[in-house]
Protein backbone atom coordinates (compact mmCIF):
# COMPACT_ATOMS: atom_id res chain seq x y z
CA MET A 1 169.26 125.45 75.96
CA THR A 2 168.24 122.37 73.93
CA SER A 3 165.96 122.34 70.92
CA ALA A 4 163.92 119.60 69.40
CA SER A 5 161.90 119.47 66.20
CA THR A 6 159.44 116.66 67.17
CA LEU A 7 157.51 115.88 70.40
CA THR A 8 159.22 112.53 70.47
CA GLU A 9 162.83 114.09 70.41
CA MET A 10 161.66 116.47 73.15
CA LEU A 11 160.52 113.72 75.48
CA ALA A 12 163.58 111.76 75.08
CA VAL A 13 165.76 114.93 76.06
CA VAL A 14 163.43 115.81 78.87
CA SER A 15 163.63 112.26 80.27
CA GLU A 16 167.43 112.51 80.56
CA ARG A 17 167.39 115.73 82.62
CA LYS A 18 164.63 117.77 84.17
CA PRO A 19 164.58 121.29 82.46
CA ASP A 20 163.75 124.51 84.30
CA LEU A 21 161.22 125.46 81.68
CA LEU A 22 159.91 124.18 78.40
CA VAL A 23 158.67 126.00 75.32
CA LEU A 24 156.23 123.85 73.34
CA ASP A 25 154.85 124.25 69.94
CA LEU A 26 151.28 123.18 69.81
CA ALA A 27 151.69 122.17 66.03
CA LEU A 28 154.34 119.46 66.37
CA PRO A 29 153.48 116.96 63.77
CA ASP A 30 153.52 113.96 66.38
CA GLY A 31 151.90 115.88 69.18
CA GLU A 32 149.60 118.27 67.78
CA GLY A 33 147.14 120.20 70.00
CA LEU A 34 146.89 119.50 73.77
CA GLU A 35 148.14 115.92 73.41
CA GLY A 36 151.89 117.13 73.58
CA LEU A 37 151.25 119.31 76.53
CA ARG A 38 149.57 116.47 78.52
CA ARG A 39 152.47 114.03 77.55
CA VAL A 40 155.08 116.47 78.67
CA GLN A 41 153.22 117.22 81.88
CA ALA A 42 152.85 113.48 82.62
CA LEU A 43 156.78 113.10 82.08
CA VAL A 44 157.83 116.15 84.19
CA PRO A 45 154.99 117.26 86.37
CA GLY A 46 155.58 120.66 87.89
CA VAL A 47 157.87 121.88 85.24
CA PRO A 48 156.53 125.21 83.69
CA VAL A 49 155.52 125.17 80.00
CA VAL A 50 155.12 128.01 77.76
CA VAL A 51 153.15 127.13 74.66
CA LEU A 52 153.56 128.50 71.16
CA ALA A 53 150.61 128.83 68.76
CA SER A 54 149.55 130.70 65.65
CA THR A 55 146.95 133.66 65.87
CA ALA A 56 144.36 131.05 64.44
CA GLU A 57 145.02 128.68 67.39
CA LYS A 58 144.64 131.36 70.02
CA GLU A 59 141.44 129.60 71.49
CA LEU A 60 143.54 126.35 71.67
CA ALA A 61 146.41 128.20 73.43
CA GLN A 62 143.85 129.70 76.04
CA ARG A 63 142.63 126.13 76.68
CA ALA A 64 146.27 125.06 77.29
CA LEU A 65 146.31 127.47 80.14
CA LYS A 66 143.49 125.61 81.66
CA THR A 67 145.24 122.45 81.18
CA GLY A 68 148.16 123.68 83.03
CA ALA A 69 150.40 125.64 80.78
CA SER A 70 152.16 128.72 82.56
CA ASP A 71 151.66 131.00 79.53
CA TYR A 72 151.31 131.18 75.83
CA LEU A 73 152.93 133.10 72.95
CA LEU A 74 151.40 133.91 69.50
CA LYS A 75 154.12 133.10 66.79
CA GLU A 76 153.17 136.07 64.74
CA HIS A 77 153.86 138.50 67.59
CA ILE A 78 157.02 136.88 68.90
CA ASP A 79 160.28 138.87 69.03
CA HIS A 80 163.30 138.47 71.21
CA HIS A 81 161.97 141.07 73.67
CA ASN A 82 158.63 139.69 74.57
CA LEU A 83 159.91 136.08 74.35
CA LEU A 84 162.67 136.99 76.98
CA ARG A 85 160.08 138.81 79.16
CA ALA A 86 157.63 135.85 79.12
CA LEU A 87 160.26 133.26 79.98
CA GLN A 88 161.62 135.38 82.79
CA CYS A 89 158.21 136.06 84.36
CA VAL A 90 157.29 132.31 84.25
CA LEU A 91 160.81 131.43 85.88
CA TRP A 92 160.38 134.33 88.54
CA ARG A 93 157.00 133.17 89.43
CA GLY A 94 158.27 129.68 90.01
CA GLN A 95 161.13 130.87 92.05
CA GLU A 96 158.87 133.15 94.20
CA ALA A 97 156.76 130.09 95.06
CA VAL A 98 159.71 128.03 96.16
CA LEU A 99 161.48 130.85 98.08
CA ALA A 100 158.22 132.22 99.74
CA PRO A 101 157.89 131.92 103.47
CA SER A 102 155.18 129.57 104.86
CA GLY A 103 151.77 130.67 103.68
CA GLY A 104 152.97 131.17 100.15
CA PRO A 105 153.34 134.34 97.88
CA MET A 106 149.56 134.44 96.97
CA ASP A 107 146.67 136.14 98.55
CA GLU A 108 144.24 133.17 99.54
CA LEU A 109 140.99 135.25 98.47
CA THR A 110 142.09 136.89 95.37
CA GLY A 111 144.82 134.52 94.01
CA LEU A 112 147.07 137.66 93.52
CA TYR A 113 150.56 138.19 95.02
CA HIS A 114 150.43 139.60 98.61
CA ARG A 115 152.20 142.99 99.22
CA ASP A 116 155.65 141.47 100.06
CA ALA A 117 155.76 139.03 97.07
CA PHE A 118 154.32 141.80 94.87
CA LEU A 119 157.25 144.22 95.87
CA ARG A 120 159.85 141.64 95.44
CA MET A 121 158.70 140.71 91.85
CA ALA A 122 158.24 144.35 90.99
CA ALA A 123 161.86 144.97 92.01
CA ARG A 124 162.99 142.45 89.70
CA HIS A 125 160.93 143.88 86.90
CA PHE A 126 162.41 147.46 87.86
CA GLU A 127 166.03 146.31 87.41
CA GLN A 128 165.30 144.62 84.13
CA ALA A 129 163.61 147.70 82.84
CA ARG A 130 166.66 149.73 84.00
CA LYS A 131 168.93 147.36 81.95
CA LEU A 132 166.74 147.33 78.78
CA ASP A 133 165.77 151.09 78.78
CA GLY A 134 162.18 150.10 79.28
CA ILE A 135 159.08 152.09 80.56
CA LEU A 136 157.03 150.87 83.44
CA ALA A 137 153.55 151.92 84.53
CA LEU A 138 152.45 151.41 88.10
CA LEU A 139 148.67 151.60 88.98
CA ARG A 140 147.34 152.00 92.33
CA VAL A 141 143.66 150.89 92.63
CA ASP A 142 141.41 151.18 95.67
CA VAL A 143 138.06 149.66 96.00
CA ASP A 144 135.74 152.52 97.28
CA GLY A 145 133.21 151.88 100.14
CA LEU A 146 134.37 148.35 100.99
CA ASP A 147 133.79 149.06 104.72
CA GLU A 148 130.16 150.23 104.13
CA ILE A 149 129.49 147.12 101.95
CA ASN A 150 130.81 144.82 104.60
CA ARG A 151 128.72 146.59 107.24
CA VAL A 152 125.58 146.61 105.34
CA HIS A 153 125.67 143.46 103.38
CA GLY A 154 128.28 141.28 105.28
CA ARG A 155 131.83 140.30 104.69
CA ALA A 156 130.92 137.56 102.06
CA GLU A 157 129.42 140.21 99.93
CA GLY A 158 132.58 142.47 100.47
CA ASP A 159 134.76 139.36 99.35
CA ARG A 160 132.65 139.09 96.16
CA VAL A 161 133.29 142.75 95.39
CA LEU A 162 137.07 142.12 95.68
CA ILE A 163 136.91 139.07 93.65
CA ASP A 164 134.96 140.90 90.91
CA ALA A 165 137.45 143.72 91.04
CA VAL A 166 140.31 141.36 90.55
CA GLU A 167 138.63 139.70 87.61
CA LEU A 168 138.35 143.15 86.06
CA LEU A 169 142.04 143.82 86.60
CA ARG A 170 142.88 140.56 84.98
CA ASN A 171 140.91 141.19 82.03
CA CYS A 172 142.44 144.73 81.59
CA PHE A 173 146.14 143.65 81.63
CA ARG A 174 148.47 141.12 80.19
CA ARG A 175 149.41 137.96 81.68
CA THR A 176 152.96 139.25 81.99
CA ASP A 177 151.95 142.22 83.83
CA LEU A 178 152.28 141.94 87.68
CA LEU A 179 149.27 142.20 89.81
CA GLY A 180 149.14 142.33 93.75
CA ARG A 181 146.77 142.78 96.60
CA THR A 182 148.69 145.34 98.72
CA GLY A 183 145.96 146.12 101.38
CA GLU A 184 142.51 145.17 102.42
CA ASN A 185 140.88 147.19 99.58
CA GLU A 186 144.10 148.09 97.76
CA PHE A 187 145.66 146.62 94.66
CA ALA A 188 148.65 147.37 92.64
CA VAL A 189 149.48 146.69 88.93
CA LEU A 190 152.90 146.96 87.38
CA ALA A 191 152.58 147.16 83.60
CA ILE A 192 155.63 146.03 81.78
CA ASP A 193 156.84 147.83 78.51
CA ALA A 194 154.38 150.70 78.81
CA ALA A 195 154.34 153.46 76.25
CA GLY A 196 154.11 157.31 76.67
CA PRO A 197 150.24 157.57 76.59
CA SER A 198 149.71 154.22 78.48
CA GLY A 199 148.68 155.99 81.76
CA PRO A 200 145.43 157.64 80.62
CA ILE A 201 144.69 154.65 78.42
CA LEU A 202 144.93 152.23 81.26
CA ARG A 203 142.82 154.39 83.47
CA GLN A 204 140.19 154.72 80.68
CA ARG A 205 140.21 151.04 79.92
CA LEU A 206 139.57 150.19 83.71
CA GLU A 207 136.86 152.60 83.91
CA ARG A 208 135.05 151.60 80.76
CA ARG A 209 135.18 147.92 81.86
CA LEU A 210 133.92 149.13 85.27
CA VAL A 211 130.83 150.59 83.59
CA VAL A 212 130.15 147.29 81.95
CA LEU A 213 130.56 145.43 85.28
CA ASN A 214 128.08 147.64 87.05
CA GLU A 215 125.51 147.44 84.25
CA PRO A 216 123.48 144.28 85.36
CA ALA A 217 121.12 145.27 88.21
CA SER A 218 122.15 142.11 90.03
CA ARG A 219 123.25 143.93 93.39
CA PRO A 220 122.11 146.93 95.45
CA TYR A 221 125.21 148.85 94.94
CA ARG A 222 127.86 149.71 92.32
CA ILE A 223 131.46 148.89 92.52
CA SER A 224 133.60 152.04 92.51
CA LEU A 225 137.28 152.30 91.93
CA SER A 226 139.88 155.01 92.64
CA ILE A 227 142.79 154.82 90.22
CA GLY A 228 146.25 156.41 90.46
CA VAL A 229 148.88 155.66 87.71
CA HIS A 230 152.53 156.87 87.18
CA LEU A 231 154.97 155.97 84.38
CA CYS A 232 158.82 155.96 84.68
CA ASN A 233 161.79 154.92 82.85
CA PRO A 234 164.19 153.31 85.47
CA ALA A 235 167.21 153.99 83.23
CA ARG A 236 166.77 157.57 83.78
CA GLY A 237 167.17 157.24 87.55
CA GLY A 238 164.85 156.92 90.43
CA SER A 239 163.74 153.82 92.43
CA LEU A 240 160.85 151.47 92.70
CA GLN A 241 159.88 153.28 95.96
CA ASP A 242 159.84 156.55 94.05
CA LEU A 243 157.42 154.95 91.47
CA LEU A 244 155.10 153.74 94.26
CA LEU A 245 155.10 157.15 95.92
CA ALA A 246 154.27 158.84 92.65
CA ALA A 247 151.35 156.46 91.88
CA GLU A 248 150.13 157.02 95.48
CA ALA A 249 150.34 160.81 95.07
CA ASP A 250 148.43 160.59 91.71
CA LEU A 251 145.64 158.63 93.55
CA ARG A 252 145.31 161.34 96.16
CA THR A 253 145.21 164.05 93.60
CA ILE A 254 142.50 162.32 91.60
CA ASN A 255 140.47 161.69 94.88
CA ALA A 256 140.92 165.25 96.09
CA ALA A 257 139.56 166.62 92.65
CA GLN A 258 136.35 164.44 92.65
CA VAL A 259 133.16 164.21 94.94
CA PRO A 260 133.92 161.44 97.36
CA ARG A 261 132.91 158.19 95.83
CA ARG A 262 130.96 155.57 97.70
CA PRO A 263 128.87 152.69 96.43
CA PHE A 264 125.10 153.09 96.09
CA LEU A 265 123.60 151.00 98.85
CA ALA A 266 119.95 150.44 98.68
CA ASP A 267 119.85 149.59 102.41
CA SER A 268 121.59 152.70 103.38
CA SER A 269 118.53 154.98 102.75
CA ARG A 270 116.58 152.80 105.28
CA GLU A 271 119.37 153.13 107.91
CA ASN A 272 119.54 156.89 107.42
CA SER A 273 115.62 157.32 107.52
CA ALA A 274 115.35 154.99 110.50
CA SER A 275 118.07 157.06 112.34
CA LYS A 276 116.03 160.29 111.79
CA GLY A 277 112.83 158.80 112.97
CA GLU A 278 111.34 158.63 109.46
CA SER A 279 109.50 155.83 107.72
CA PRO A 280 111.59 154.17 104.97
């Protein structure tokens, strides 16, 4: 590890040897704001950059993500634990992209890790949590009624539902949490450093945001999600497979206790009436 107190000094060090990762303060005196990020990217394109910003600069840090930064950390909230986690996640994502088989580790439609890549990354987080005595929360999320939406409205509309569901998931979880598409209508989220009551809280957060997503009357159906969640402490035993099975079991339990959920489809009533010989 090498440190530098100015952007000029950092650029001199970086030009001598290509680093694996850079942590860049957005308030350096000679490279304030996004100027420093752009100069670093021009010198070592492709090297992941984690930016540091104050809480007052949060909007600037978010703009840095759109400019190409891999992640950002707010100075007021940094401790050794979340710094380590953020840097490891950035490095692991880079390694996963390099080591992935042809086709890449990401699902083309949603931009999430596909199942195999998600499981590989989840295994790393599981072992790290075992060493640090951390708690993980795994959520299994199914999009209900996708086949019916595809049948009535077409696959393009079904794809739109999946993309909207992914955006909802991204807004509900931290950038360091792990998201993956594990099936046609199935997603998984591994929440890092979860707390005891995190399971119900995460489920409720998703359900609240789902209500907001369904409020505009811009489509003839409602998006419906089935959510299973389970927490574990890897240091106390068990495996990633145990965690996956437990979250799947919770999903089945939730579904069994509820009336089968399906999206409201305006066209479905016409189909049912027509099949019975009734006028719509």
